[in-house]
Amino acid sequence: MKKLPIKVVPMTRAHIPACNEIVATSEPWKTLRESVDFLPSIKRKHAFVAVIEGSVAGFVIFTPEPVFARGGYLRAIGVASAIRGFGVGKLLMAFAERTTAKKAPNFFLCVSSFNKPAQAFYRKNGYARIGKIDGLIRKGASEYIYWKKLR
């Protein structure tokens, strides 16, 4: 099978409908029945999409500047359900980490306790669970804090 080139480009308003489709079929948003407001991150130039043959394959929203404990913060990441497991999420995380490493030595994120696949993904990509906040977003669930040293 031919490997398709994946480009990571700044998100624009034109990408929002495709990103909303990803959110609608992805955790934690599906369980929480929430959406993502992409516009503020687009304006701050903190939102990017992975594009394969002109179609949005995934997105990442992050703050590369130190916002907590000398680290950047991953706000959201999502990959189209049809292509999960093919490296798009890993590529987007690597992009966010490289960008953040220019400004901060650490990278942080939160992941819901019910989102087991995401927890496994972050551990596989070198993140360590360092804390827990009970009931932050949903009663009866926790948000786990993950951290990775970038430099």
N, C-alpha and C. Protein backbone atom coordinates (compact mmCIF):
# COMPACT_ATOMS: atom_id res chain seq x y z
N MET A 1 0.84 -1.18 0.00
CA MET A 1 0.00 0.00 0.00
C MET A 1 0.89 1.25 0.00
N LYS A 2 0.56 2.19 -0.84
CA LYS A 2 1.30 3.44 -0.96
C LYS A 2 1.05 4.33 0.26
N LYS A 3 2.13 4.87 0.80
CA LYS A 3 2.00 5.76 1.94
C LYS A 3 1.67 7.16 1.43
N LEU A 4 0.58 7.73 1.92
CA LEU A 4 0.16 9.05 1.47
C LEU A 4 0.87 10.13 2.27
N PRO A 5 1.27 11.21 1.59
CA PRO A 5 1.92 12.31 2.31
C PRO A 5 0.92 13.05 3.20
N ILE A 6 1.36 13.35 4.40
CA ILE A 6 0.53 14.09 5.36
C ILE A 6 1.19 15.43 5.59
N LYS A 7 0.44 16.50 5.42
CA LYS A 7 0.94 17.85 5.69
C LYS A 7 0.27 18.38 6.95
N VAL A 8 1.04 19.06 7.78
CA VAL A 8 0.48 19.77 8.93
C VAL A 8 0.50 21.25 8.58
N VAL A 9 -0.68 21.86 8.57
CA VAL A 9 -0.81 23.26 8.18
C VAL A 9 -1.66 24.00 9.21
N PRO A 10 -1.51 25.34 9.27
CA PRO A 10 -2.35 26.10 10.19
C PRO A 10 -3.84 25.90 9.87
N MET A 11 -4.63 25.74 10.90
CA MET A 11 -6.07 25.60 10.72
C MET A 11 -6.67 26.94 10.29
N THR A 12 -7.64 26.86 9.39
CA THR A 12 -8.39 28.04 8.97
C THR A 12 -9.88 27.78 9.22
N ARG A 13 -10.67 28.80 9.02
CA ARG A 13 -12.13 28.64 9.18
C ARG A 13 -12.67 27.56 8.25
N ALA A 14 -12.07 27.41 7.09
CA ALA A 14 -12.53 26.41 6.12
C ALA A 14 -12.39 24.99 6.64
N HIS A 15 -11.47 24.76 7.57
CA HIS A 15 -11.25 23.43 8.14
C HIS A 15 -12.24 23.07 9.25
N ILE A 16 -12.93 24.05 9.79
CA ILE A 16 -13.77 23.83 10.98
C ILE A 16 -14.85 22.76 10.77
N PRO A 17 -15.59 22.74 9.66
CA PRO A 17 -16.61 21.68 9.51
C PRO A 17 -16.02 20.27 9.60
N ALA A 18 -14.89 20.03 8.96
CA ALA A 18 -14.26 18.70 9.03
C ALA A 18 -13.79 18.40 10.45
N CYS A 19 -13.26 19.40 11.14
CA CYS A 19 -12.82 19.20 12.52
C CYS A 19 -14.01 18.93 13.44
N ASN A 20 -15.13 19.60 13.18
CA ASN A 20 -16.34 19.34 13.97
C ASN A 20 -16.83 17.90 13.79
N GLU A 21 -16.68 17.35 12.58
CA GLU A 21 -17.05 15.95 12.34
C GLU A 21 -16.17 15.01 13.16
N ILE A 22 -14.88 15.33 13.25
CA ILE A 22 -13.97 14.51 14.05
C ILE A 22 -14.38 14.57 15.52
N VAL A 23 -14.67 15.76 16.01
CA VAL A 23 -15.09 15.93 17.41
C VAL A 23 -16.35 15.12 17.70
N ALA A 24 -17.29 15.14 16.78
CA ALA A 24 -18.58 14.45 16.99
C ALA A 24 -18.43 12.93 17.13
N THR A 25 -17.33 12.38 16.62
CA THR A 25 -17.13 10.92 16.68
C THR A 25 -15.96 10.52 17.57
N SER A 26 -15.50 11.45 18.39
CA SER A 26 -14.30 11.19 19.20
C SER A 26 -14.54 11.44 20.68
N GLU A 27 -13.80 10.70 21.49
CA GLU A 27 -13.76 10.96 22.93
C GLU A 27 -12.77 12.08 23.19
N PRO A 28 -12.98 12.86 24.21
CA PRO A 28 -14.01 12.77 25.24
C PRO A 28 -15.31 13.48 24.87
N TRP A 29 -15.29 14.16 23.72
CA TRP A 29 -16.42 15.02 23.37
C TRP A 29 -17.71 14.24 23.19
N LYS A 30 -17.62 13.04 22.64
CA LYS A 30 -18.82 12.22 22.42
C LYS A 30 -19.50 11.91 23.75
N THR A 31 -18.74 11.45 24.72
CA THR A 31 -19.29 11.12 26.04
C THR A 31 -19.77 12.37 26.77
N LEU A 32 -19.00 13.44 26.67
CA LEU A 32 -19.34 14.68 27.37
C LEU A 32 -20.43 15.49 26.66
N ARG A 33 -20.71 15.11 25.42
CA ARG A 33 -21.65 15.86 24.58
C ARG A 33 -21.25 17.33 24.49
N GLU A 34 -19.98 17.52 24.18
CA GLU A 34 -19.42 18.86 24.06
C GLU A 34 -18.83 19.06 22.68
N SER A 35 -18.59 20.31 22.34
CA SER A 35 -17.94 20.65 21.09
C SER A 35 -16.65 21.41 21.41
N VAL A 36 -15.94 21.79 20.38
CA VAL A 36 -14.71 22.56 20.53
C VAL A 36 -14.90 23.88 19.80
N ASP A 37 -14.55 24.98 20.46
CA ASP A 37 -14.57 26.29 19.81
C ASP A 37 -13.19 26.52 19.20
N PHE A 38 -13.09 26.34 17.89
CA PHE A 38 -11.80 26.43 17.22
C PHE A 38 -11.33 27.86 16.96
N LEU A 39 -12.26 28.82 16.85
CA LEU A 39 -11.90 30.17 16.43
C LEU A 39 -10.86 30.86 17.30
N PRO A 40 -10.98 30.84 18.63
CA PRO A 40 -9.94 31.52 19.42
C PRO A 40 -8.54 30.96 19.17
N SER A 41 -8.44 29.65 19.00
CA SER A 41 -7.13 29.04 18.76
C SER A 41 -6.61 29.36 17.36
N ILE A 42 -7.51 29.46 16.39
CA ILE A 42 -7.10 29.86 15.04
C ILE A 42 -6.53 31.27 15.09
N LYS A 43 -7.22 32.17 15.79
CA LYS A 43 -6.77 33.57 15.89
C LYS A 43 -5.41 33.67 16.57
N ARG A 44 -5.15 32.83 17.57
CA ARG A 44 -3.86 32.85 18.28
C ARG A 44 -2.79 32.05 17.55
N LYS A 45 -3.16 31.42 16.43
CA LYS A 45 -2.24 30.59 15.65
C LYS A 45 -1.74 29.39 16.45
N HIS A 46 -2.66 28.80 17.21
CA HIS A 46 -2.35 27.62 18.02
C HIS A 46 -3.12 26.39 17.56
N ALA A 47 -3.72 26.44 16.37
CA ALA A 47 -4.52 25.32 15.86
C ALA A 47 -3.97 24.89 14.50
N PHE A 48 -3.81 23.58 14.34
CA PHE A 48 -3.24 23.02 13.11
C PHE A 48 -4.04 21.79 12.70
N VAL A 49 -4.00 21.49 11.40
CA VAL A 49 -4.66 20.30 10.89
C VAL A 49 -3.66 19.45 10.12
N ALA A 50 -3.89 18.16 10.16
CA ALA A 50 -3.17 17.22 9.30
C ALA A 50 -4.04 17.01 8.07
N VAL A 51 -3.44 17.18 6.89
CA VAL A 51 -4.18 17.09 5.64
C VAL A 51 -3.59 15.97 4.79
N ILE A 52 -4.45 15.10 4.29
CA ILE A 52 -4.06 14.04 3.37
C ILE A 52 -4.88 14.22 2.10
N GLU A 53 -4.18 14.43 0.99
CA GLU A 53 -4.85 14.63 -0.31
C GLU A 53 -5.99 15.63 -0.23
N GLY A 54 -5.77 16.74 0.45
CA GLY A 54 -6.75 17.81 0.53
C GLY A 54 -7.83 17.64 1.58
N SER A 55 -7.86 16.51 2.27
CA SER A 55 -8.88 16.27 3.30
C SER A 55 -8.28 16.34 4.69
N VAL A 56 -9.04 16.88 5.63
CA VAL A 56 -8.59 16.96 7.02
C VAL A 56 -8.61 15.57 7.63
N ALA A 57 -7.44 15.14 8.12
CA ALA A 57 -7.31 13.83 8.75
C ALA A 57 -7.30 13.94 10.27
N GLY A 58 -6.96 15.12 10.78
CA GLY A 58 -6.90 15.32 12.22
C GLY A 58 -6.58 16.76 12.54
N PHE A 59 -6.62 17.08 13.82
CA PHE A 59 -6.30 18.44 14.27
C PHE A 59 -5.60 18.38 15.62
N VAL A 60 -4.89 19.47 15.91
CA VAL A 60 -4.27 19.63 17.22
C VAL A 60 -4.37 21.10 17.61
N ILE A 61 -4.70 21.34 18.87
CA ILE A 61 -4.76 22.69 19.43
C ILE A 61 -3.88 22.67 20.67
N PHE A 62 -2.94 23.61 20.74
CA PHE A 62 -2.03 23.64 21.88
C PHE A 62 -1.49 25.04 22.09
N THR A 63 -0.97 25.26 23.28
CA THR A 63 -0.31 26.51 23.62
C THR A 63 1.16 26.20 23.82
N PRO A 64 2.03 26.66 22.92
CA PRO A 64 3.45 26.33 23.04
C PRO A 64 4.18 27.14 24.11
N GLU A 65 3.65 28.30 24.45
CA GLU A 65 4.30 29.12 25.48
C GLU A 65 4.08 28.50 26.85
N PRO A 66 5.03 28.71 27.76
CA PRO A 66 4.86 28.16 29.11
C PRO A 66 3.61 28.75 29.79
N VAL A 67 2.69 27.86 30.14
CA VAL A 67 1.47 28.29 30.83
C VAL A 67 1.35 27.65 32.21
N PHE A 68 2.12 26.60 32.44
CA PHE A 68 2.06 25.89 33.71
C PHE A 68 3.39 25.18 33.92
N ALA A 69 4.03 25.40 35.04
CA ALA A 69 5.27 24.70 35.41
C ALA A 69 6.27 24.67 34.25
N ARG A 70 6.48 25.83 33.66
CA ARG A 70 7.43 25.96 32.54
C ARG A 70 7.10 25.02 31.39
N GLY A 71 5.81 24.85 31.12
CA GLY A 71 5.42 23.95 30.05
C GLY A 71 4.28 24.47 29.20
N GLY A 72 4.27 24.01 27.95
CA GLY A 72 3.15 24.25 27.07
C GLY A 72 2.01 23.30 27.44
N TYR A 73 0.88 23.47 26.76
CA TYR A 73 -0.30 22.68 27.12
C TYR A 73 -1.05 22.23 25.87
N LEU A 74 -1.35 20.94 25.80
CA LEU A 74 -2.17 20.38 24.73
C LEU A 74 -3.63 20.59 25.10
N ARG A 75 -4.35 21.34 24.29
CA ARG A 75 -5.76 21.60 24.58
C ARG A 75 -6.67 20.53 23.99
N ALA A 76 -6.38 20.13 22.76
CA ALA A 76 -7.22 19.13 22.10
C ALA A 76 -6.49 18.50 20.93
N ILE A 77 -6.77 17.24 20.70
CA ILE A 77 -6.26 16.54 19.53
C ILE A 77 -7.33 15.55 19.09
N GLY A 78 -7.50 15.42 17.79
CA GLY A 78 -8.48 14.48 17.27
C GLY A 78 -8.07 13.98 15.90
N VAL A 79 -8.40 12.74 15.63
CA VAL A 79 -8.08 12.11 14.34
C VAL A 79 -9.36 11.49 13.79
N ALA A 80 -9.58 11.63 12.50
CA ALA A 80 -10.75 11.04 11.86
C ALA A 80 -10.81 9.55 12.15
N SER A 81 -11.98 9.06 12.52
CA SER A 81 -12.11 7.67 12.96
C SER A 81 -11.65 6.66 11.91
N ALA A 82 -11.84 6.95 10.65
CA ALA A 82 -11.47 6.00 9.58
C ALA A 82 -9.97 5.79 9.45
N ILE A 83 -9.17 6.73 9.97
CA ILE A 83 -7.72 6.58 9.80
C ILE A 83 -6.95 6.52 11.12
N ARG A 84 -7.65 6.27 12.21
CA ARG A 84 -6.95 6.10 13.48
C ARG A 84 -6.07 4.86 13.41
N GLY A 85 -4.89 4.96 14.03
CA GLY A 85 -3.96 3.84 14.02
C GLY A 85 -2.95 3.89 12.89
N PHE A 86 -2.99 4.93 12.07
CA PHE A 86 -2.06 5.05 10.95
C PHE A 86 -1.01 6.13 11.15
N GLY A 87 -0.87 6.65 12.37
CA GLY A 87 0.21 7.58 12.67
C GLY A 87 -0.12 9.06 12.59
N VAL A 88 -1.35 9.41 12.29
CA VAL A 88 -1.72 10.82 12.19
C VAL A 88 -1.63 11.50 13.56
N GLY A 89 -2.16 10.86 14.60
CA GLY A 89 -2.08 11.42 15.95
C GLY A 89 -0.64 11.58 16.41
N LYS A 90 0.18 10.59 16.14
CA LYS A 90 1.60 10.65 16.51
C LYS A 90 2.29 11.81 15.79
N LEU A 91 1.98 12.00 14.52
CA LEU A 91 2.55 13.09 13.75
C LEU A 91 2.12 14.44 14.32
N LEU A 92 0.84 14.59 14.66
CA LEU A 92 0.35 15.84 15.24
C LEU A 92 0.98 16.11 16.60
N MET A 93 1.11 15.07 17.43
CA MET A 93 1.76 15.25 18.74
C MET A 93 3.21 15.66 18.56
N ALA A 94 3.92 15.03 17.63
CA ALA A 94 5.33 15.36 17.39
C ALA A 94 5.46 16.81 16.93
N PHE A 95 4.54 17.26 16.08
CA PHE A 95 4.54 18.65 15.63
C PHE A 95 4.35 19.59 16.81
N ALA A 96 3.36 19.31 17.65
CA ALA A 96 3.08 20.15 18.82
C ALA A 96 4.28 20.17 19.78
N GLU A 97 4.89 19.01 19.97
CA GLU A 97 6.06 18.93 20.86
C GLU A 97 7.25 19.71 20.31
N ARG A 98 7.53 19.58 19.02
CA ARG A 98 8.65 20.32 18.41
C ARG A 98 8.43 21.82 18.52
N THR A 99 7.21 22.25 18.24
CA THR A 99 6.88 23.67 18.30
C THR A 99 7.01 24.18 19.74
N THR A 100 6.50 23.42 20.68
CA THR A 100 6.55 23.82 22.09
C THR A 100 7.98 23.82 22.61
N ALA A 101 8.79 22.85 22.20
CA ALA A 101 10.17 22.73 22.70
C ALA A 101 11.01 23.97 22.40
N LYS A 102 10.62 24.76 21.40
CA LYS A 102 11.33 26.00 21.08
C LYS A 102 11.09 27.06 22.15
N LYS A 103 10.00 26.91 22.92
CA LYS A 103 9.61 27.94 23.89
C LYS A 103 9.54 27.44 25.33
N ALA A 104 9.40 26.13 25.51
CA ALA A 104 9.21 25.58 26.86
C ALA A 104 9.84 24.19 26.95
N PRO A 105 10.37 23.84 28.12
CA PRO A 105 11.01 22.53 28.26
C PRO A 105 10.06 21.38 28.59
N ASN A 106 8.81 21.68 28.88
CA ASN A 106 7.84 20.66 29.29
C ASN A 106 6.55 20.79 28.49
N PHE A 107 5.80 19.70 28.44
CA PHE A 107 4.50 19.72 27.78
C PHE A 107 3.52 18.97 28.67
N PHE A 108 2.34 19.55 28.87
CA PHE A 108 1.32 18.98 29.75
C PHE A 108 0.02 18.78 28.98
N LEU A 109 -0.80 17.88 29.50
CA LEU A 109 -2.13 17.66 28.94
C LEU A 109 -2.99 17.03 30.01
N CYS A 110 -4.30 17.09 29.81
CA CYS A 110 -5.25 16.38 30.66
C CYS A 110 -6.02 15.40 29.79
N VAL A 111 -6.35 14.26 30.37
CA VAL A 111 -7.13 13.25 29.66
C VAL A 111 -8.15 12.67 30.63
N SER A 112 -9.36 12.48 30.14
CA SER A 112 -10.44 11.97 30.99
C SER A 112 -10.20 10.53 31.41
N SER A 113 -10.60 10.21 32.63
CA SER A 113 -10.40 8.86 33.18
C SER A 113 -11.12 7.80 32.36
N PHE A 114 -12.21 8.15 31.69
CA PHE A 114 -12.94 7.18 30.88
C PHE A 114 -12.36 7.01 29.47
N ASN A 115 -11.37 7.83 29.12
CA ASN A 115 -10.80 7.78 27.77
C ASN A 115 -9.53 6.92 27.76
N LYS A 116 -9.72 5.62 27.93
CA LYS A 116 -8.60 4.67 28.03
C LYS A 116 -7.71 4.65 26.78
N PRO A 117 -8.27 4.68 25.57
CA PRO A 117 -7.39 4.67 24.39
C PRO A 117 -6.45 5.88 24.35
N ALA A 118 -6.95 7.05 24.74
CA ALA A 118 -6.09 8.23 24.75
C ALA A 118 -4.99 8.10 25.80
N GLN A 119 -5.32 7.55 26.96
CA GLN A 119 -4.30 7.35 27.99
C GLN A 119 -3.18 6.45 27.47
N ALA A 120 -3.56 5.37 26.79
CA ALA A 120 -2.56 4.45 26.23
C ALA A 120 -1.72 5.15 25.17
N PHE A 121 -2.35 5.97 24.34
CA PHE A 121 -1.64 6.72 23.30
C PHE A 121 -0.59 7.64 23.92
N TYR A 122 -0.97 8.37 24.96
CA TYR A 122 -0.02 9.30 25.57
C TYR A 122 1.12 8.56 26.25
N ARG A 123 0.82 7.48 26.95
CA ARG A 123 1.90 6.68 27.57
C ARG A 123 2.86 6.15 26.52
N LYS A 124 2.31 5.65 25.42
CA LYS A 124 3.13 5.11 24.33
C LYS A 124 4.03 6.18 23.73
N ASN A 125 3.60 7.43 23.81
CA ASN A 125 4.37 8.54 23.26
C ASN A 125 5.21 9.27 24.31
N GLY A 126 5.46 8.60 25.44
CA GLY A 126 6.43 9.12 26.40
C GLY A 126 5.89 9.99 27.51
N TYR A 127 4.59 10.05 27.68
CA TYR A 127 4.00 10.88 28.74
C TYR A 127 3.82 10.07 30.02
N ALA A 128 4.00 10.75 31.13
CA ALA A 128 3.82 10.13 32.45
C ALA A 128 2.63 10.78 33.14
N ARG A 129 1.80 9.96 33.76
CA ARG A 129 0.68 10.48 34.55
C ARG A 129 1.22 10.99 35.87
N ILE A 130 0.99 12.27 36.15
CA ILE A 130 1.57 12.88 37.35
C ILE A 130 0.54 13.41 38.33
N GLY A 131 -0.72 13.35 37.97
CA GLY A 131 -1.73 13.86 38.89
C GLY A 131 -3.14 13.54 38.44
N LYS A 132 -4.08 13.91 39.29
CA LYS A 132 -5.49 13.62 39.03
C LYS A 132 -6.34 14.71 39.65
N ILE A 133 -7.36 15.14 38.92
CA ILE A 133 -8.33 16.11 39.43
C ILE A 133 -9.71 15.46 39.33
N ASP A 134 -10.30 15.14 40.46
CA ASP A 134 -11.62 14.49 40.47
C ASP A 134 -12.72 15.50 40.18
N GLY A 135 -13.66 15.10 39.33
CA GLY A 135 -14.85 15.91 39.07
C GLY A 135 -14.63 17.22 38.36
N LEU A 136 -13.51 17.41 37.72
CA LEU A 136 -13.22 18.69 37.07
C LEU A 136 -14.21 18.99 35.94
N ILE A 137 -14.45 18.02 35.08
CA ILE A 137 -15.32 18.23 33.93
C ILE A 137 -16.64 17.50 34.07
N ARG A 138 -16.60 16.33 34.70
CA ARG A 138 -17.80 15.51 34.82
C ARG A 138 -17.83 14.84 36.19
N LYS A 139 -18.98 14.90 36.84
CA LYS A 139 -19.15 14.24 38.13
C LYS A 139 -18.91 12.74 37.95
N GLY A 140 -18.14 12.16 38.85
CA GLY A 140 -17.86 10.73 38.79
C GLY A 140 -16.69 10.36 37.90
N ALA A 141 -16.08 11.34 37.26
CA ALA A 141 -14.91 11.09 36.40
C ALA A 141 -13.78 11.99 36.86
N SER A 142 -12.59 11.62 36.49
CA SER A 142 -11.40 12.40 36.83
C SER A 142 -10.71 12.85 35.55
N GLU A 143 -9.92 13.89 35.69
CA GLU A 143 -9.01 14.29 34.62
C GLU A 143 -7.61 13.95 35.11
N TYR A 144 -6.89 13.18 34.31
CA TYR A 144 -5.52 12.83 34.64
C TYR A 144 -4.59 13.83 33.98
N ILE A 145 -3.60 14.27 34.74
CA ILE A 145 -2.60 15.20 34.22
C ILE A 145 -1.40 14.38 33.77
N TYR A 146 -1.01 14.60 32.52
CA TYR A 146 0.15 13.93 31.95
C TYR A 146 1.22 14.96 31.62
N TRP A 147 2.49 14.52 31.68
CA TRP A 147 3.63 15.41 31.47
C TRP A 147 4.71 14.71 30.66
N LYS A 148 5.39 15.49 29.84
CA LYS A 148 6.55 14.99 29.11
C LYS A 148 7.62 16.06 29.10
N LYS A 149 8.83 15.66 29.42
CA LYS A 149 9.97 16.58 29.35
C LYS A 149 10.41 16.63 27.90
N LEU A 150 10.47 17.83 27.33
CA LEU A 150 10.82 17.99 25.92
C LEU A 150 12.31 18.27 25.71
N ARG A 151 12.91 18.94 26.68
CA ARG A 151 14.35 19.24 26.57
C ARG A 151 14.94 19.46 27.94
